[in-house]
Protein backbone atom coordinates (compact mmCIF):
# COMPACT_ATOMS: atom_id res chain seq x y z
CA UNK A 1 14.37 258.00 98.35
CA UNK A 2 15.89 255.96 95.53
CA UNK A 3 19.53 254.92 95.91
CA UNK A 4 21.30 254.98 92.52
CA UNK A 5 23.80 252.33 93.64
CA UNK A 6 21.35 249.91 95.27
CA UNK A 7 20.71 246.51 93.69
CA UNK A 8 17.86 244.62 95.32
CA UNK A 9 17.57 240.89 94.77
CA UNK A 10 14.27 239.04 95.20
CA UNK A 11 14.23 235.27 95.46
CA UNK A 12 10.91 233.69 94.54
CA UNK A 13 11.70 230.28 96.00
CA UNK A 14 10.19 228.94 99.23
CA UNK A 15 13.29 226.76 99.65
CA UNK A 16 16.89 227.55 100.56
CA UNK A 17 18.35 225.84 97.50
CA UNK A 18 19.35 226.64 93.93
CA UNK A 19 17.49 229.87 93.29
CA UNK A 20 18.59 231.40 96.57
CA UNK A 21 22.19 230.43 95.81
CA UNK A 22 21.93 231.96 92.32
CA UNK A 23 20.57 235.28 93.59
CA UNK A 24 23.20 235.46 96.33
CA UNK A 25 25.91 234.63 93.78
CA UNK A 26 24.68 237.47 91.56
CA UNK A 27 24.54 239.98 94.40
CA UNK A 28 28.00 239.06 95.64
CA UNK A 29 29.41 239.36 92.14
CA UNK A 30 27.72 242.74 91.68
CA UNK A 31 29.12 244.07 94.94
CA UNK A 32 32.66 242.75 94.50
CA UNK A 33 33.09 243.45 90.79
CA UNK A 34 31.04 246.61 90.28
CA UNK A 35 30.61 248.19 93.71
CA UNK A 36 26.85 247.84 94.02
CA UNK A 37 25.19 248.13 97.40
CA UNK A 38 23.09 244.98 97.57
CA UNK A 39 20.32 243.44 99.60
CA UNK A 40 18.64 240.04 99.46
CA UNK A 41 14.98 239.29 100.12
CA UNK A 42 13.22 235.95 99.85
CA UNK A 43 9.63 234.74 99.86
CA UNK A 44 10.82 231.88 102.08
CA UNK A 45 9.03 231.85 105.44
CA UNK A 46 7.12 235.02 104.56
CA UNK A 47 3.40 235.60 104.95
CA UNK A 48 2.18 237.00 101.64
CA UNK A 49 -1.56 237.12 101.04
CA UNK A 50 -3.01 236.84 97.55
CA UNK A 51 -4.26 239.91 95.74
CA UNK A 52 -8.04 239.46 95.48
CA UNK A 53 -8.63 242.46 93.19
CA UNK A 54 -10.66 244.26 95.84
CA UNK A 55 -9.52 247.62 94.39
CA UNK A 56 -8.85 249.12 97.83
CA UNK A 57 -5.50 250.31 96.49
CA UNK A 58 -7.19 252.01 93.53
CA UNK A 59 -9.88 253.70 95.59
CA UNK A 60 -7.83 254.79 98.58
CA UNK A 61 -4.34 255.34 97.10
CA UNK A 62 -2.92 254.19 100.45
CA UNK A 63 -1.28 250.92 99.46
CA UNK A 64 -2.67 247.43 99.98
CA UNK A 65 -5.46 246.48 102.35
CA UNK A 66 -3.41 243.40 103.34
CA UNK A 67 -0.92 243.97 106.13
CA UNK A 68 1.69 241.25 105.92
CA UNK A 69 5.35 240.75 104.97
CA UNK A 70 4.88 242.70 101.75
CA UNK A 71 4.96 245.89 103.82
CA UNK A 72 8.70 245.54 104.32
CA UNK A 73 9.21 244.69 100.65
CA UNK A 74 7.41 247.78 99.36
CA UNK A 75 9.89 250.18 100.96
CA UNK A 76 12.86 248.22 99.61
CA UNK A 77 11.44 248.22 96.10
CA UNK A 78 10.93 251.96 96.28
CA UNK A 79 14.51 252.55 97.42
CA UNK A 80 16.24 250.34 94.85
CA UNK A 81 17.43 251.64 91.50
CA UNK A 82 18.30 248.15 90.26
CA UNK A 83 16.22 244.99 90.58
CA UNK A 84 17.13 241.35 90.13
CA UNK A 85 14.17 239.00 90.41
CA UNK A 86 14.77 235.26 90.39
CA UNK A 87 12.46 232.28 90.41
CA UNK A 88 12.54 228.50 90.47
CA UNK A 89 10.54 226.79 87.76
CA UNK A 90 7.16 225.53 88.94
CA UNK A 91 5.16 223.71 86.26
CA UNK A 92 7.10 225.38 83.45
CA UNK A 93 6.81 228.94 84.78
CA UNK A 94 7.59 231.15 87.75
CA UNK A 95 6.67 230.20 91.30
CA UNK A 96 3.24 230.96 92.72
CA UNK A 97 4.88 232.88 95.54
CA UNK A 98 6.66 235.21 93.14
CA UNK A 99 3.53 235.72 91.06
CA UNK A 100 1.73 236.80 94.23
CA UNK A 101 4.50 239.30 95.00
CA UNK A 102 4.13 240.77 91.52
CA UNK A 103 0.35 240.93 91.83
CA UNK A 104 0.63 242.73 95.14
CA UNK A 105 2.87 245.40 93.60
CA UNK A 106 -0.31 246.74 92.02
CA UNK A 107 -0.85 248.60 95.29
CA UNK A 108 2.44 250.45 94.89
CA UNK A 109 1.58 251.56 91.36
CA UNK A 110 -1.94 252.58 92.34
CA UNK A 111 -0.47 254.84 95.01
CA UNK A 112 2.30 256.19 92.76
CA UNK A 113 2.09 255.36 89.02
CA UNK A 114 5.76 256.29 88.57
CA UNK A 115 7.14 254.28 91.48
CA UNK A 116 9.00 251.87 89.18
CA UNK A 117 9.69 254.26 86.33
CA UNK A 118 13.29 254.12 85.01
CA UNK A 119 14.45 251.53 87.50
CA UNK A 120 16.60 248.90 85.77
CA UNK A 121 15.69 245.24 86.14
CA UNK A 122 17.01 241.82 85.20
CA UNK A 123 15.66 238.30 85.59
CA UNK A 124 16.96 234.91 86.61
CA UNK A 125 15.39 231.45 86.55
CA UNK A 126 16.49 228.04 87.82
CA UNK A 127 15.02 224.82 86.48
CA UNK A 128 15.48 221.17 87.32
CA UNK A 129 15.63 220.46 83.58
CA UNK A 130 17.93 222.31 81.21
CA UNK A 131 14.91 223.45 79.19
CA UNK A 132 12.22 223.25 81.83
CA UNK A 133 10.58 226.64 81.42
CA UNK A 134 13.36 229.06 82.32
CA UNK A 135 12.78 231.36 79.36
CA UNK A 136 9.02 231.40 79.92
CA UNK A 137 9.53 232.36 83.56
CA UNK A 138 12.09 235.00 82.64
CA UNK A 139 9.67 236.46 80.11
CA UNK A 140 7.01 236.66 82.83
CA UNK A 141 9.39 238.73 84.95
CA UNK A 142 10.32 240.91 81.97
CA UNK A 143 6.60 241.42 81.27
CA UNK A 144 6.19 242.66 84.84
CA UNK A 145 9.01 245.14 84.24
CA UNK A 146 7.52 246.26 80.93
CA UNK A 147 4.10 246.90 82.43
CA UNK A 148 5.55 248.98 85.25
CA UNK A 149 8.05 251.11 83.28
CA UNK A 150 11.14 249.28 84.52
CA UNK A 151 13.97 249.24 81.96
CA UNK A 152 14.69 245.55 81.45
CA UNK A 153 18.12 244.23 80.51
CA UNK A 154 19.60 240.84 79.74
CA UNK A 155 23.07 239.45 79.29
CA UNK A 156 22.74 239.80 75.53
CA UNK A 157 23.12 237.40 72.62
CA UNK A 158 25.15 234.18 72.76
CA UNK A 159 24.24 232.78 76.13
CA UNK A 160 22.03 235.10 78.17
CA UNK A 161 19.54 236.32 75.59
CA UNK A 162 16.67 237.16 77.95
CA UNK A 163 18.32 236.80 81.34
CA UNK A 164 20.23 234.34 83.47
CA UNK A 165 19.12 230.73 83.01
CA UNK A 166 20.39 227.97 85.27
CA UNK A 167 20.06 224.21 85.47
CA UNK A 168 19.98 222.52 88.86
CA UNK A 169 19.68 218.97 87.51
CA UNK A 170 17.14 218.52 90.31
CA UNK A 171 19.99 218.73 92.82
CA UNK A 172 19.12 222.13 94.27
CA UNK A 173 22.05 224.28 95.34
CA UNK A 174 24.56 221.54 94.57
CA UNK A 175 23.39 221.45 90.96
CA UNK A 176 23.45 225.21 90.45
CA UNK A 177 26.91 225.53 91.97
CA UNK A 178 28.30 223.27 89.23
CA UNK A 179 26.39 224.83 86.32
CA UNK A 180 29.25 226.86 84.88
CA UNK A 181 27.25 227.93 81.84
CA UNK A 182 24.45 229.16 84.05
CA UNK A 183 26.77 231.05 86.38
CA UNK A 184 28.31 232.68 83.32
CA UNK A 185 24.87 233.98 82.33
CA UNK A 186 24.55 235.58 85.76
CA UNK A 187 27.85 237.39 85.32
CA UNK A 188 26.79 238.62 81.87
CA UNK A 189 23.52 239.97 83.25
CA UNK A 190 25.21 241.75 86.16
CA UNK A 191 27.80 243.26 83.83
CA UNK A 192 24.99 244.70 81.73
CA UNK A 193 23.21 246.08 84.80
CA UNK A 194 26.45 247.80 85.81
CA UNK A 195 26.57 249.64 82.49
CA UNK A 196 23.49 251.58 83.62
CA UNK A 197 24.92 252.73 86.94
CA UNK A 198 25.96 256.15 85.66
CA UNK A 199 23.27 256.67 83.04
CA UNK A 200 20.34 257.74 85.19
């Protein structure tokens, strides 16, 4: 059953560095400032098989034929009302690990076409360069929301137009921790998410 106060954060980085710090920062801020119940999940050290478009999920309506660490993620995604998905920038876009997670969510939608409907989602991206592909990656996450009937939000104009964008300066966590502009975009995004807490 969906929890109207539950914000679930997904980190699409295989490393314990800048993106993981940014997601944890966002979740902590959401809990302390706005009273969200939060949970963190990372692709790091997880076994996640590729979707191979076998259509088992379409035919059987029983979820995915693969039995791996996505099984735990499916139940968390179903329970959450709010989603925050974050990615490091790999070759100017989101990580391959996160793309695989998104692809595998097809099984959830095949089983229940309304599983994501009216959830509220935001996006976050961390790049080694200031303009290294963050907005492209954020748009990929927002496209995932759009396709699956998730209401997508951003931090709004003047700083967080599409979502939270951070610059690690290729220093991992140490770089993100000192990116005050980037951390400000996180706070703007979380504030906007909080405005939806009592709407649905």
